[in-house]
């Protein structure tokens, strides 16, 4: 096996709009730098045998930008387009690379594909003989199931200040899995070269009232691991559509440090048990398909038009979630494209009996856990927010219950079954 890693500082040089929350103005400074990091693996002699995974400290990337990155990378390196995963950590305090809730930062994003392609080229150029291994651990205190059932029957999000005595129960469970790829130099030194770690959560300890650029807790966890072990640490998110940090506790820099330390410790414990192998088996595959778009009902259309009459289309800043003003504008946007199927592409990269399968959006955790449970691999990990962003994919059950994410989804209720079936088909194909 050969491996190469590289990093690049992608901190904006000036004030920018930030993604993840509806904010009232641009950033006012930098609390911590943000990075893009790349890992290239190959068990063959040709670059066509290689695979690449990139992680960026941003909320999400558009499908168009991801296609540009992958196309440029294939031309620069020979790594096949369909063996490249470009994943956003889903950081809610980075530049607006898509512009979901605030204006897209076109000037910042314009050169990003070229930069990331050059980063992957650098990682590919650094490839050297290495031993690679994977491990699985757990961390069950960082992420919380964020959809809560209130005593009046409606869904409350865990950041809403609803009286605790009126919460009946959480409507599901979290996915505590921590997946780790450990890369060490071959030979007697066995120097640690890198750690790629996967855990499902929402990097929004710092909410919408924060105007300082930061990678939030995943970036801080990476820094802690790098300070202790050297090498390059890379976080990749999971199926986190129904998971979040504690919405009413430690929403400050001390909270970032606490959560980061907890995640870093879980990664350390997992990595310690991994015995890397120079002959690890690398496989890959990809699938492309479509899911139907959400249909906006006449009732939803009328409601949206009434709201927009009152707001004039303006959005009010909110620390968490979105208001009716945002949902109304979204409904009318979705109405225009409701007969256009939504393209989805997934890439699966497997190291021995550990599979890492991408998804271009935010899968509800239940869907991710079902894919994991039915996968032919011993361990399977979802890499969310990867190679594009189609939004939330809720379960049919959740759509019947309502709540945030259900109300802001772009796909119809068949998406759960389609994504699950296609993901499992891809995993079975790669497993062989």
Foldseek 3Di string as FASTA:
>chain_A
DKKFKFKDFLADPDWACFADFQADDTFDEAPDTWMKMKMKDALDDALCRIAMEIETLGQFAALVLLQLLLVLLCVLGVHHSQRYKYFYQNARQGHQNPQLNHDHPCVSNVCVSVVNSVRNSNRNVRMDQKFKWKWKFFDFAFKDQQWWAFQVQATDGLLDPDPPVRTPGRPDGADGMKMKMWIFHPDDVRQTAEIEIEEAEHQPLQFRVHRHHDSFQVVVLQVVLCVVRNHGYHYFYFQHQRMYGRNHPNSDPVSSVVSSVSVNVRSVVGVVPIDTGSNWDKWKDKDKDWFAWDAQDPVLLVQLVVVCVVVVLDADTDRDAGDSSSLSVLSVVLNVCRGPTGMWMKMWMDTHLEIEIETQEREHRVLRVVLQVLFPGPGYTYRYSISRYQYYQYALVDCVNDDPSNSNHTGDNCVSVVVSVVSNVRRVVRVD
